Amino acid sequence: MIALGLKIIALLLIIPGLLTMWIAIISDVGATLLVTLNSFRLIGPKSSDNKQSN
């Protein structure tokens, strides 16, 4: 949702000329990195509750 919202905002700002294409590209790459780094939380280290005790 974050990346899609950012694209819509960038599109609305590019049309009247308030945002250049380069800034839109940089913000899109930044949003992609943010979403990717956030997804790493799903594959991060597991909690100690899941370990088997001997």
PDB file of N, CA and C in Angstrom:
ATOM      1  N   MET A   1       0.811  -1.199   0.000  1.00  0.00           N
ATOM      2  CA  MET A   1       0.000   0.000   0.000  1.00  0.00           C
ATOM      3  C   MET A   1       0.854   1.263   0.000  1.00  0.00           C
ATOM      4  N   ILE A   2       1.976   1.198   0.716  1.00  0.00           N
ATOM      5  CA  ILE A   2       2.832   2.382   0.796  1.00  0.00           C
ATOM      6  C   ILE A   2       3.389   2.731  -0.581  1.00  0.00           C
ATOM      7  N   ALA A   3       3.893   1.715  -1.295  1.00  0.00           N
ATOM      8  CA  ALA A   3       4.489   1.972  -2.606  1.00  0.00           C
ATOM      9  C   ALA A   3       3.432   2.460  -3.602  1.00  0.00           C
ATOM     10  N   LEU A   4       2.243   1.884  -3.542  1.00  0.00           N
ATOM     11  CA  LEU A   4       1.182   2.300  -4.460  1.00  0.00           C
ATOM     12  C   LEU A   4       0.737   3.730  -4.167  1.00  0.00           C
ATOM     13  N   GLY A   5       0.609   4.065  -2.895  1.00  0.00           N
ATOM     14  CA  GLY A   5       0.243   5.426  -2.524  1.00  0.00           C
ATOM     15  C   GLY A   5       1.286   6.437  -2.967  1.00  0.00           C
ATOM     16  N   LEU A   6       2.552   6.069  -2.831  1.00  0.00           N
ATOM     17  CA  LEU A   6       3.623   6.966  -3.249  1.00  0.00           C
ATOM     18  C   LEU A   6       3.604   7.192  -4.756  1.00  0.00           C
ATOM     19  N   LYS A   7       3.287   6.152  -5.518  1.00  0.00           N
ATOM     20  CA  LYS A   7       3.209   6.288  -6.975  1.00  0.00           C
ATOM     21  C   LYS A   7       2.068   7.218  -7.378  1.00  0.00           C
ATOM     22  N   ILE A   8       0.943   7.104  -6.698  1.00  0.00           N
ATOM     23  CA  ILE A   8      -0.199   7.969  -7.015  1.00  0.00           C
ATOM     24  C   ILE A   8       0.128   9.426  -6.701  1.00  0.00           C
ATOM     25  N   ILE A   9       0.736   9.656  -5.545  1.00  0.00           N
ATOM     26  CA  ILE A   9       1.124  11.025  -5.174  1.00  0.00           C
ATOM     27  C   ILE A   9       2.144  11.580  -6.167  1.00  0.00           C
ATOM     28  N   ALA A  10       3.126  10.767  -6.550  1.00  0.00           N
ATOM     29  CA  ALA A  10       4.132  11.227  -7.514  1.00  0.00           C
ATOM     30  C   ALA A  10       3.488  11.550  -8.854  1.00  0.00           C
ATOM     31  N   LEU A  11       2.552  10.724  -9.297  1.00  0.00           N
ATOM     32  CA  LEU A  11       1.878  10.982 -10.571  1.00  0.00           C
ATOM     33  C   LEU A  11       1.113  12.290 -10.529  1.00  0.00           C
ATOM     34  N   LEU A  12       0.438  12.540  -9.415  1.00  0.00           N
ATOM     35  CA  LEU A  12      -0.325  13.782  -9.292  1.00  0.00           C
ATOM     36  C   LEU A  12       0.578  15.015  -9.226  1.00  0.00           C
ATOM     37  N   LEU A  13       1.790  14.857  -8.713  1.00  0.00           N
ATOM     38  CA  LEU A  13       2.709  15.993  -8.642  1.00  0.00           C
ATOM     39  C   LEU A  13       3.517  16.185  -9.922  1.00  0.00           C
ATOM     40  N   ILE A  14       3.691  15.133 -10.707  1.00  0.00           N
ATOM     41  CA  ILE A  14       4.439  15.256 -11.966  1.00  0.00           C
ATOM     42  C   ILE A  14       3.610  15.987 -13.018  1.00  0.00           C
ATOM     43  N   ILE A  15       2.316  15.725 -13.051  1.00  0.00           N
ATOM     44  CA  ILE A  15       1.456  16.309 -14.098  1.00  0.00           C
ATOM     45  C   ILE A  15       1.530  17.837 -14.116  1.00  0.00           C
ATOM     46  N   PRO A  16       1.378  18.532 -12.981  1.00  0.00           N
ATOM     47  CA  PRO A  16       1.496  20.005 -13.041  1.00  0.00           C
ATOM     48  C   PRO A  16       2.942  20.498 -13.040  1.00  0.00           C
ATOM     49  N   GLY A  17       3.908  19.600 -12.952  1.00  0.00           N
ATOM     50  CA  GLY A  17       5.304  20.014 -12.991  1.00  0.00           C
ATOM     51  C   GLY A  17       5.906  20.328 -11.641  1.00  0.00           C
ATOM     52  N   LEU A  18       5.252  19.909 -10.566  1.00  0.00           N
ATOM     53  CA  LEU A  18       5.777  20.172  -9.224  1.00  0.00           C
ATOM     54  C   LEU A  18       6.837  19.158  -8.797  1.00  0.00           C
ATOM     55  N   LEU A  19       6.961  18.082  -9.553  1.00  0.00           N
ATOM     56  CA  LEU A  19       7.922  17.035  -9.222  1.00  0.00           C
ATOM     57  C   LEU A  19       8.619  16.605 -10.501  1.00  0.00           C
ATOM     58  N   THR A  20       9.939  16.509 -10.450  1.00  0.00           N
ATOM     59  CA  THR A  20      10.665  16.079 -11.646  1.00  0.00           C
ATOM     60  C   THR A  20      10.665  14.554 -11.712  1.00  0.00           C
ATOM     61  N   MET A  21      10.933  14.040 -12.883  1.00  0.00           N
ATOM     62  CA  MET A  21      10.941  12.586 -13.067  1.00  0.00           C
ATOM     63  C   MET A  21      12.036  11.928 -12.250  1.00  0.00           C
ATOM     64  N   TRP A  22      13.196  12.582 -12.118  1.00  0.00           N
ATOM     65  CA  TRP A  22      14.297  11.995 -11.348  1.00  0.00           C
ATOM     66  C   TRP A  22      13.937  11.855  -9.873  1.00  0.00           C
ATOM     67  N   ILE A  23      13.293  12.838  -9.311  1.00  0.00           N
ATOM     68  CA  ILE A  23      12.882  12.750  -7.909  1.00  0.00           C
ATOM     69  C   ILE A  23      11.836  11.651  -7.733  1.00  0.00           C
ATOM     70  N   ALA A  24      10.944  11.506  -8.711  1.00  0.00           N
ATOM     71  CA  ALA A  24       9.944  10.439  -8.652  1.00  0.00           C
ATOM     72  C   ALA A  24      10.605   9.070  -8.702  1.00  0.00           C
ATOM     73  N   ILE A  25      11.633   8.920  -9.531  1.00  0.00           N
ATOM     74  CA  ILE A  25      12.349   7.641  -9.618  1.00  0.00           C
ATOM     75  C   ILE A  25      13.064   7.343  -8.308  1.00  0.00           C
ATOM     76  N   ILE A  26      13.718   8.347  -7.738  1.00  0.00           N
ATOM     77  CA  ILE A  26      14.432   8.149  -6.475  1.00  0.00           C
ATOM     78  C   ILE A  26      13.460   7.790  -5.356  1.00  0.00           C
ATOM     79  N   SER A  27      12.306   8.434  -5.317  1.00  0.00           N
ATOM     80  CA  SER A  27      11.328   8.114  -4.274  1.00  0.00           C
ATOM     81  C   SER A  27      10.747   6.720  -4.482  1.00  0.00           C
ATOM     82  N   ASP A  28      10.588   6.291  -5.726  1.00  0.00           N
ATOM     83  CA  ASP A  28      10.085   4.952  -6.005  1.00  0.00           C
ATOM     84  C   ASP A  28      11.088   3.891  -5.560  1.00  0.00           C
ATOM     85  N   VAL A  29      12.356   4.128  -5.841  1.00  0.00           N
ATOM     86  CA  VAL A  29      13.397   3.191  -5.394  1.00  0.00           C
ATOM     87  C   VAL A  29      13.459   3.159  -3.869  1.00  0.00           C
ATOM     88  N   GLY A  30      13.319   4.302  -3.241  1.00  0.00           N
ATOM     89  CA  GLY A  30      13.312   4.352  -1.781  1.00  0.00           C
ATOM     90  C   GLY A  30      12.146   3.570  -1.196  1.00  0.00           C
ATOM     91  N   ALA A  31      10.973   3.702  -1.793  1.00  0.00           N
ATOM     92  CA  ALA A  31       9.807   2.948  -1.315  1.00  0.00           C
ATOM     93  C   ALA A  31      10.005   1.452  -1.522  1.00  0.00           C
ATOM     94  N   THR A  32      10.618   1.076  -2.638  1.00  0.00           N
ATOM     95  CA  THR A  32      10.891  -0.339  -2.892  1.00  0.00           C
ATOM     96  C   THR A  32      11.851  -0.896  -1.850  1.00  0.00           C
ATOM     97  N   LEU A  33      12.883  -0.147  -1.513  1.00  0.00           N
ATOM     98  CA  LEU A  33      13.826  -0.592  -0.479  1.00  0.00           C
ATOM     99  C   LEU A  33      13.140  -0.695   0.879  1.00  0.00           C
ATOM    100  N   LEU A  34      12.283   0.249   1.191  1.00  0.00           N
ATOM    101  CA  LEU A  34      11.564   0.231   2.463  1.00  0.00           C
ATOM    102  C   LEU A  34      10.673  -1.005   2.571  1.00  0.00           C
ATOM    103  N   VAL A  35       9.940  -1.311   1.518  1.00  0.00           N
ATOM    104  CA  VAL A  35       9.059  -2.477   1.526  1.00  0.00           C
ATOM    105  C   VAL A  35       9.878  -3.770   1.596  1.00  0.00           C
ATOM    106  N   THR A  36      10.996  -3.825   0.876  1.00  0.00           N
ATOM    107  CA  THR A  36      11.839  -5.019   0.898  1.00  0.00           C
ATOM    108  C   THR A  36      12.456  -5.237   2.264  1.00  0.00           C
ATOM    109  N   LEU A  37      12.988  -4.186   2.866  1.00  0.00           N
ATOM    110  CA  LEU A  37      13.585  -4.327   4.198  1.00  0.00           C
ATOM    111  C   LEU A  37      12.528  -4.694   5.239  1.00  0.00           C
ATOM    112  N   ASN A  38      11.331  -4.182   5.088  1.00  0.00           N
ATOM    113  CA  ASN A  38      10.252  -4.531   6.000  1.00  0.00           C
ATOM    114  C   ASN A  38       9.876  -6.004   5.865  1.00  0.00           C
ATOM    115  N   SER A  39       9.935  -6.534   4.656  1.00  0.00           N
ATOM    116  CA  SER A  39       9.589  -7.941   4.450  1.00  0.00           C
ATOM    117  C   SER A  39      10.627  -8.879   5.053  1.00  0.00           C
ATOM    118  N   PHE A  40      11.846  -8.404   5.264  1.00  0.00           N
ATOM    119  CA  PHE A  40      12.869  -9.246   5.890  1.00  0.00           C
ATOM    120  C   PHE A  40      12.501  -9.616   7.322  1.00  0.00           C
ATOM    121  N   ARG A  41      11.600  -8.862   7.923  1.00  0.00           N
ATOM    122  CA  ARG A  41      11.164  -9.202   9.280  1.00  0.00           C
ATOM    123  C   ARG A  41      10.465 -10.553   9.310  1.00  0.00           C
ATOM    124  N   LEU A  42       9.843 -10.941   8.199  1.00  0.00           N
ATOM    125  CA  LEU A  42       9.147 -12.227   8.149  1.00  0.00           C
ATOM    126  C   LEU A  42      10.109 -13.403   8.168  1.00  0.00           C
ATOM    127  N   ILE A  43      11.304 -13.223   7.619  1.00  0.00           N
ATOM    128  CA  ILE A  43      12.263 -14.328   7.565  1.00  0.00           C
ATOM    129  C   ILE A  43      13.401 -14.147   8.565  1.00  0.00           C
ATOM    130  N   GLY A  44      13.206 -13.237   9.499  1.00  0.00           N
ATOM    131  CA  GLY A  44      14.226 -12.948  10.505  1.00  0.00           C
ATOM    132  C   GLY A  44      14.387 -14.091  11.497  1.00  0.00           C
ATOM    133  N   PRO A  45      15.204 -13.871  12.509  1.00  0.00           N
ATOM    134  CA  PRO A  45      15.450 -14.920  13.504  1.00  0.00           C
ATOM    135  C   PRO A  45      14.174 -15.279  14.254  1.00  0.00           C
ATOM    136  N   LYS A  46      14.041 -16.573  14.519  1.00  0.00           N
ATOM    137  CA  LYS A  46      12.873 -17.059  15.247  1.00  0.00           C
ATOM    138  C   LYS A  46      13.062 -16.826  16.741  1.00  0.00           C
ATOM    139  N   SER A  47      11.968 -16.776  17.459  1.00  0.00           N
ATOM    140  CA  SER A  47      12.055 -16.573  18.902  1.00  0.00           C
ATOM    141  C   SER A  47      12.527 -17.854  19.588  1.00  0.00           C
ATOM    142  N   SER A  48      12.983 -17.729  20.819  1.00  0.00           N
ATOM    143  CA  SER A  48      13.512 -18.880  21.553  1.00  0.00           C
ATOM    144  C   SER A  48      12.408 -19.828  22.000  1.00  0.00           C
ATOM    145  N   ASP A  49      11.138 -19.447  21.891  1.00  0.00           N
ATOM    146  CA  ASP A  49      10.023 -20.296  22.284  1.00  0.00           C
ATOM    147  C   ASP A  49       9.869 -21.512  21.377  1.00  0.00           C
ATOM    148  N   ASN A  50      10.370 -21.425  20.141  1.00  0.00           N
ATOM    149  CA  ASN A  50      10.201 -22.501  19.192  1.00  0.00           C
ATOM    150  C   ASN A  50      11.281 -23.570  19.291  1.00  0.00           C
ATOM    151  N   LYS A  51      12.304 -23.367  20.119  1.00  0.00           N
ATOM    152  CA  LYS A  51      13.402 -24.318  20.240  1.00  0.00           C
ATOM    153  C   LYS A  51      12.946 -25.512  21.086  1.00  0.00           C
ATOM    154  N   GLN A  52      13.459 -26.674  20.731  1.00  0.00           N
ATOM    155  CA  GLN A  52      13.155 -27.870  21.517  1.00  0.00           C
ATOM    156  C   GLN A  52      14.097 -27.918  22.719  1.00  0.00           C
ATOM    157  N   SER A  53      13.561 -28.284  23.855  1.00  0.00           N
ATOM    158  CA  SER A  53      14.409 -28.442  25.038  1.00  0.00           C
ATOM    159  C   SER A  53      14.727 -29.907  25.243  1.00  0.00           C
ATOM    160  N   ASN A  54      15.971 -30.207  25.648  1.00  0.00           N
ATOM    161  CA  ASN A  54      16.399 -31.588  25.855  1.00  0.00           C
ATOM    162  C   ASN A  54      16.244 -31.976  27.290  1.00  0.00           C
TER     163      ASN A  54
END
